[in-house]
Protein backbone atom coordinates (compact mmCIF):
# COMPACT_ATOMS: atom_id res chain seq x y z
CA MET A 1 -6.74 -1.94 -22.92
CA SER A 2 -9.46 -3.64 -22.01
CA ASP A 3 -10.43 -5.27 -18.48
CA ILE A 4 -10.66 -8.90 -20.11
CA LYS A 5 -6.70 -8.45 -22.10
CA LEU A 6 -5.51 -6.65 -17.84
CA GLY A 7 -7.03 -9.88 -16.48
CA GLN A 8 -5.21 -11.90 -18.34
CA ILE A 9 -2.00 -10.00 -17.35
CA ILE A 10 -2.02 -10.11 -14.17
CA GLN A 11 -3.03 -13.49 -13.67
CA THR A 12 -0.08 -14.86 -16.69
CA LYS A 13 2.68 -12.84 -13.82
CA LEU A 14 0.52 -13.52 -10.76
CA LYS A 15 1.60 -17.77 -12.08
CA SER A 16 5.42 -16.49 -13.19
CA PHE A 17 5.39 -14.98 -9.70
CA TYR A 18 3.83 -18.14 -7.28
CA LYS A 19 5.64 -20.37 -9.23
CA LYS A 20 9.36 -19.13 -8.59
CA TYR A 21 7.70 -19.16 -4.81
CA TYR A 22 6.05 -22.58 -4.82
CA LEU A 23 8.20 -24.31 -6.61
CA ASN A 24 12.08 -22.78 -6.82
CA THR A 25 11.87 -21.04 -3.50
CA LEU A 26 9.65 -23.59 -1.63
CA LYS A 27 10.23 -27.58 -3.72
CA LEU A 28 6.82 -27.41 -3.71
CA ASN A 29 5.93 -29.94 -6.65
CA ASP A 30 2.24 -29.58 -6.72
CA TRP A 31 2.57 -25.80 -7.15
CA GLU A 32 0.04 -25.16 -9.87
CA ASN A 33 -2.66 -27.32 -7.70
CA ARG A 34 -1.38 -24.71 -5.17
CA PHE A 35 -1.28 -21.74 -7.40
CA GLU A 36 -4.65 -22.17 -8.41
CA GLN A 37 -6.22 -23.52 -5.14
CA PHE A 38 -5.46 -19.89 -3.07
CA ARG A 39 -4.05 -17.50 -5.83
CA ILE A 40 -6.48 -17.07 -8.15
CA ASN A 41 -9.54 -14.92 -6.88
CA GLU A 42 -6.98 -14.74 -3.96
CA GLU A 43 -8.65 -11.08 -2.93
CA ILE A 44 -11.29 -13.61 -1.75
CA LYS A 45 -9.81 -16.84 -0.94
CA ILE A 46 -6.89 -15.11 0.88
CA GLY A 47 -7.46 -11.31 1.88
CA LYS A 48 -11.21 -12.40 3.10
CA LYS A 49 -9.87 -14.97 5.02
CA PHE A 50 -7.65 -12.59 7.30
CA PHE A 51 -10.70 -9.83 7.94
CA ASP A 52 -12.27 -12.98 8.88
CA GLU A 53 -9.93 -14.79 10.67
CA THR A 54 -8.81 -11.28 12.85
CA LYS A 55 -12.57 -10.00 12.96
CA LEU A 56 -12.07 -7.34 11.46
CA LYS A 57 -15.77 -5.43 10.24
CA SER A 58 -16.05 -3.45 7.24
CA GLU A 59 -17.25 -0.28 9.01
CA SER A 60 -14.31 -0.48 11.48
CA LEU A 61 -12.02 0.46 8.50
CA GLU A 62 -14.69 2.90 6.77
CA ASN A 63 -12.83 6.74 6.27
CA LYS A 64 -9.70 5.58 7.41
CA LYS A 65 -6.15 5.93 6.75
CA ILE A 66 -4.87 2.58 6.54
CA LEU A 67 -1.21 1.03 5.90
CA ILE A 68 -0.67 -2.31 4.80
CA VAL A 69 2.64 -4.14 5.51
CA GLY A 70 4.28 -6.06 2.91
CA ALA A 71 1.31 -5.79 0.52
CA GLY A 72 2.69 -8.89 -2.36
CA THR A 73 0.98 -9.29 -4.79
CA GLY A 74 -2.52 -7.37 -2.69
CA ALA A 75 -4.94 -10.26 -1.48
CA GLU A 76 -5.68 -8.58 1.45
CA ALA A 77 -5.46 -4.94 0.09
CA PHE A 78 -7.44 -5.60 -2.73
CA TYR A 79 -10.51 -7.26 -0.65
CA LEU A 80 -10.13 -4.59 1.52
CA ALA A 81 -10.01 -1.46 -1.25
CA GLN A 82 -13.46 -2.69 -2.59
CA LEU A 83 -15.53 -2.59 0.26
CA SER A 84 -14.01 0.57 2.14
CA ASN A 85 -13.31 4.42 0.94
CA SER A 86 -10.19 4.87 2.89
CA HIS A 87 -7.42 5.86 1.49
CA ILE A 88 -4.87 1.83 1.64
CA THR A 89 -1.46 2.58 1.42
CA LEU A 90 0.70 -0.74 0.48
CA LEU A 91 3.54 -1.47 1.34
CA GLU A 92 6.08 -3.77 -0.99
CA PRO A 93 9.88 -3.92 -1.65
CA ASP A 94 9.37 -6.66 -4.23
CA PRO A 95 9.41 -4.88 -7.72
CA GLU A 96 8.07 -7.82 -9.48
CA ALA A 97 5.12 -7.55 -6.53
CA ILE A 98 5.11 -3.98 -7.13
CA GLU A 99 4.15 -4.51 -10.78
CA ILE A 100 1.40 -6.86 -10.53
CA LEU A 101 -0.26 -4.26 -7.29
CA ASN A 102 -0.12 -1.39 -10.28
CA LEU A 103 -1.56 -3.53 -12.54
CA LYS A 104 -4.45 -4.60 -10.50
CA VAL A 105 -5.19 -0.67 -9.33
CA ASN A 106 -5.81 -0.17 -12.64
CA TYR A 107 -7.96 -3.44 -12.62
CA PHE A 108 -10.50 -3.02 -10.38
CA HIS A 109 -10.56 0.75 -11.16
CA LEU A 110 -9.05 1.83 -7.74
CA LYS A 111 -8.30 5.57 -6.91
CA ASN A 112 -7.91 5.44 -2.88
CA VAL A 113 -4.81 2.94 -3.61
CA GLN A 114 -1.56 4.28 -2.94
CA ILE A 115 1.98 2.03 -3.67
CA THR A 116 5.25 2.75 -1.95
CA GLU A 117 8.59 0.50 -2.45
CA ALA A 118 10.60 -0.06 0.65
CA PHE A 119 11.25 -1.85 3.30
CA ALA A 120 9.11 -2.72 6.85
CA GLU A 121 12.35 -1.33 9.03
CA ASP A 122 12.63 2.28 7.21
CA MET A 123 9.06 2.97 5.85
CA PRO A 124 9.21 6.05 4.12
CA PHE A 125 6.61 7.95 5.73
CA PRO A 126 5.89 10.72 8.52
CA ASN A 127 5.02 10.68 11.86
CA GLU A 128 1.41 9.57 13.15
CA GLN A 129 0.31 8.58 9.15
CA PHE A 130 -1.88 6.00 10.17
CA ASP A 131 -5.26 5.29 12.01
CA ILE A 132 -4.67 1.36 11.07
CA ILE A 133 -1.80 -0.62 10.11
CA LEU A 134 -2.28 -4.06 9.03
CA CYS A 135 0.52 -6.61 8.83
CA TYR A 136 -0.40 -10.31 7.13
CA THR A 137 1.95 -13.12 7.33
CA VAL A 138 5.52 -10.48 6.95
CA LEU A 139 6.88 -10.39 10.32
CA GLU A 140 8.56 -13.95 9.72
CA HIS A 141 10.51 -12.43 6.85
CA VAL A 142 11.75 -9.44 7.51
CA ASN A 143 15.18 -8.58 8.23
CA ASP A 144 14.45 -6.83 11.56
CA TYR A 145 10.67 -7.38 12.91
CA GLN A 146 11.69 -5.04 15.99
CA LYS A 147 12.21 -2.15 14.05
CA SER A 148 10.02 -3.32 11.76
CA ILE A 149 7.25 -2.91 14.77
CA ASP A 150 8.37 -0.01 16.13
CA GLU A 151 8.28 1.38 12.27
CA MET A 152 4.38 0.44 12.53
CA TYR A 153 4.02 2.13 15.65
CA ARG A 154 5.52 5.93 15.01
CA CYS A 155 3.53 5.61 11.67
CA THR A 156 0.35 4.46 13.66
CA ASN A 157 -1.75 7.72 15.06
CA LYS A 158 -2.34 8.23 18.90
CA LEU A 159 -5.34 5.97 19.47
CA GLY A 160 -4.81 4.15 16.63
CA GLN A 161 -4.17 0.19 15.96
CA ILE A 162 -1.52 -2.16 14.61
CA ILE A 163 -2.82 -5.54 13.52
CA LEU A 164 -0.26 -8.17 13.78
CA PHE A 165 -0.93 -11.53 12.07
CA LEU A 166 1.76 -13.92 12.11
CA PRO A 167 3.06 -17.85 12.59
CA ASN A 168 3.54 -19.07 15.94
CA TYR A 169 6.62 -20.91 16.01
CA ALA A 170 6.14 -22.76 18.66
CA TYR A 171 3.59 -24.94 17.07
CA PRO A 172 4.84 -28.24 14.95
CA GLU A 173 4.53 -26.40 11.52
CA GLU A 174 6.55 -25.25 9.21
CA PRO A 175 3.21 -23.39 7.06
CA HIS A 176 5.68 -21.79 4.11
CA TYR A 177 6.47 -25.15 3.31
CA LYS A 178 3.51 -27.33 4.25
CA ILE A 179 4.88 -29.48 6.38
CA THR A 180 3.88 -30.84 9.91
CA THR A 181 7.04 -31.55 11.92
CA PHE A 182 9.09 -30.35 15.50
CA PRO A 183 8.44 -26.76 16.05
CA PRO A 184 11.02 -24.96 14.33
CA ALA A 185 11.83 -21.74 16.93
CA TYR A 186 13.08 -25.30 19.30
CA PHE A 187 14.16 -27.68 17.10
CA PRO A 188 15.33 -25.98 13.71
CA ILE A 189 18.11 -28.23 13.38
CA LEU A 190 16.30 -31.24 13.55
CA VAL A 191 13.64 -28.85 11.01
CA ARG A 192 15.99 -28.63 8.84
CA THR A 193 17.10 -32.15 8.78
CA HIS A 194 12.94 -32.98 7.72
CA LEU A 195 12.95 -30.40 5.37
CA LYS A 196 16.04 -32.30 3.74
CA ILE A 197 14.66 -35.83 3.69
CA LYS A 198 11.38 -34.07 2.64
CA GLN A 199 13.44 -32.82 -0.81
CA ARG A 200 12.26 -29.32 0.12
CA TYR A 201 14.82 -27.28 2.15
CA THR A 202 16.02 -24.18 0.64
CA PRO A 203 18.36 -21.18 1.97
CA PHE A 204 14.85 -19.73 2.37
CA PHE A 205 14.42 -21.69 5.62
CA GLU A 206 17.66 -19.79 7.20
CA THR A 207 15.85 -15.90 6.20
CA LEU A 208 12.81 -16.75 8.35
CA ASN A 209 12.28 -15.88 11.72
CA PHE A 210 10.69 -18.39 14.74
CA LEU A 211 9.13 -16.02 16.79
CA THR A 212 6.63 -17.35 18.95
CA SER A 213 3.90 -15.79 21.44
CA LYS A 214 6.42 -15.69 24.25
CA LYS A 215 9.26 -13.89 22.19
CA LEU A 216 6.66 -11.56 20.62
CA LYS A 217 4.99 -10.64 23.58
CA SER A 218 8.09 -9.90 24.96
CA PHE A 219 9.01 -7.27 23.48
CA LEU A 220 6.04 -5.76 23.40
CA ARG A 221 5.70 -5.17 26.64
CA LYS A 222 9.45 -4.51 26.82
CA ARG A 223 8.63 -1.16 24.12
CA ASN A 224 5.39 -0.93 26.20
CA MET A 225 2.86 -0.96 23.94
CA SER A 226 -0.55 -1.80 24.83
CA PHE A 227 -1.83 -5.01 23.50
CA SER A 228 -4.62 -8.04 22.97
CA GLN A 229 -4.10 -11.28 21.56
CA LEU A 230 -6.72 -13.04 19.89
CA LYS A 231 -6.49 -16.87 21.01
CA VAL A 232 -7.48 -19.57 18.71
CA LEU A 233 -6.87 -23.36 20.45
CA PRO A 234 -7.10 -25.71 17.62
CA LYS A 235 -10.34 -28.01 18.75
CA PHE A 236 -10.81 -31.80 18.81
CA GLY A 237 -10.46 -33.17 15.47
CA GLU A 238 -9.34 -30.78 12.93
CA VAL A 239 -5.31 -31.42 13.68
CA ASN A 240 -4.15 -35.04 14.75
CA PHE A 241 -4.46 -36.36 18.44
CA LEU A 242 -0.76 -35.82 19.77
CA ILE A 243 -0.69 -31.79 17.96
CA PHE A 244 -4.12 -31.68 19.69
CA ILE A 245 -3.20 -32.26 23.22
CA TYR A 246 0.30 -30.56 22.61
CA SER A 247 -1.20 -27.19 21.61
CA ASN A 248 -4.32 -27.37 24.16
CA LEU A 249 -2.37 -28.24 27.00
CA PHE A 250 0.39 -25.50 27.01
CA GLY A 251 -1.71 -22.85 25.06
CA ILE A 252 0.17 -22.93 21.84
CA VAL A 253 -2.04 -21.57 19.01
CA ARG A 254 -0.93 -22.17 15.86
CA ASN A 255 -1.25 -18.18 14.68
CA GLN A 256 -0.86 -15.31 16.16
CA LYS A 257 -3.41 -11.97 16.06
CA TYR A 258 -2.04 -9.64 17.99
CA PHE A 259 -4.20 -5.90 17.66
CA ILE A 260 -1.94 -2.67 19.58
CA GLN A 261 -3.37 0.10 20.58
CA LYS A 262 -1.30 3.01 20.32
CA ASN A 263 -2.06 5.58 23.59
C-alpha cells in the first residue's frame, strides 16, 4: 500500500475516532473544527507541544527505553519516535486507538516502536524495564490513579524518571469540555449543573479523577517518591483578570507537570 493511500486511511479513521470523542462524548458541536485544528498533524500540534511544555530535550531521550502510558492515537509518541533512536513502547487499552497506532507505525516506517494493549493499573512488563515513562493527560482518566503511578514506578529503572502531565482540577476549568467553570475538585455539583445548562453533560464527566496538585503531591510523598514540579502560573493578560488573581494568589497552576526520580 502506498504512503498516500495509507495516509488517507489514517485520516479517515482519526476523524471517525475523534468525532465519537468530541461530538458523541463531549457534545462539542464544533467537533470538526477541533479535529482539523488539533488532530491533523497531531504529532506536531500536540506532540511537540508536550515536549516544549515539559522542557524535554531530544538529546536527553536518546538511546533510552521509553514507555508512553495511554498513548491514544500517538501524538507525542510519533513526534518522539521520529526524533529519537530510543526504543519506544506504547501502552494503550482502546482497540480502535491501537488500530490507528499500528497504521501510523507503518506510515512513518518506524522500527523502534512497540505497541502493547493493556491498562495502566496492570502493566505487563517486568520490574525496572524502562529508563523514562511519559504519561500525558492520562491520570485523570484511569480507574485507579494510585495503582497506575505505582505500576509506573515499578517499571522504571533505578535512576530512571517518570514524567506526569495532567490538568489541575483546582483550576476553574474543565478542559475536556472546553469550558471555564467552578474548580471541579471542589464544586463538582456546580460544574455538572453548568455542563447541563451548556448541554454538554455526559456520563464521561463522572469517570474523571478530579486530581489537584495538593492531592497528587500528598500521594507521592506518602509513597516516598522523589519528585520536582514544573510550576507555571498564568501571566497577566493570558487569562481573564479573576482567574489571574485566583491562580496567582493561591498558586493554582492550570496544568500539573511532575518529574519523579526513582532512587
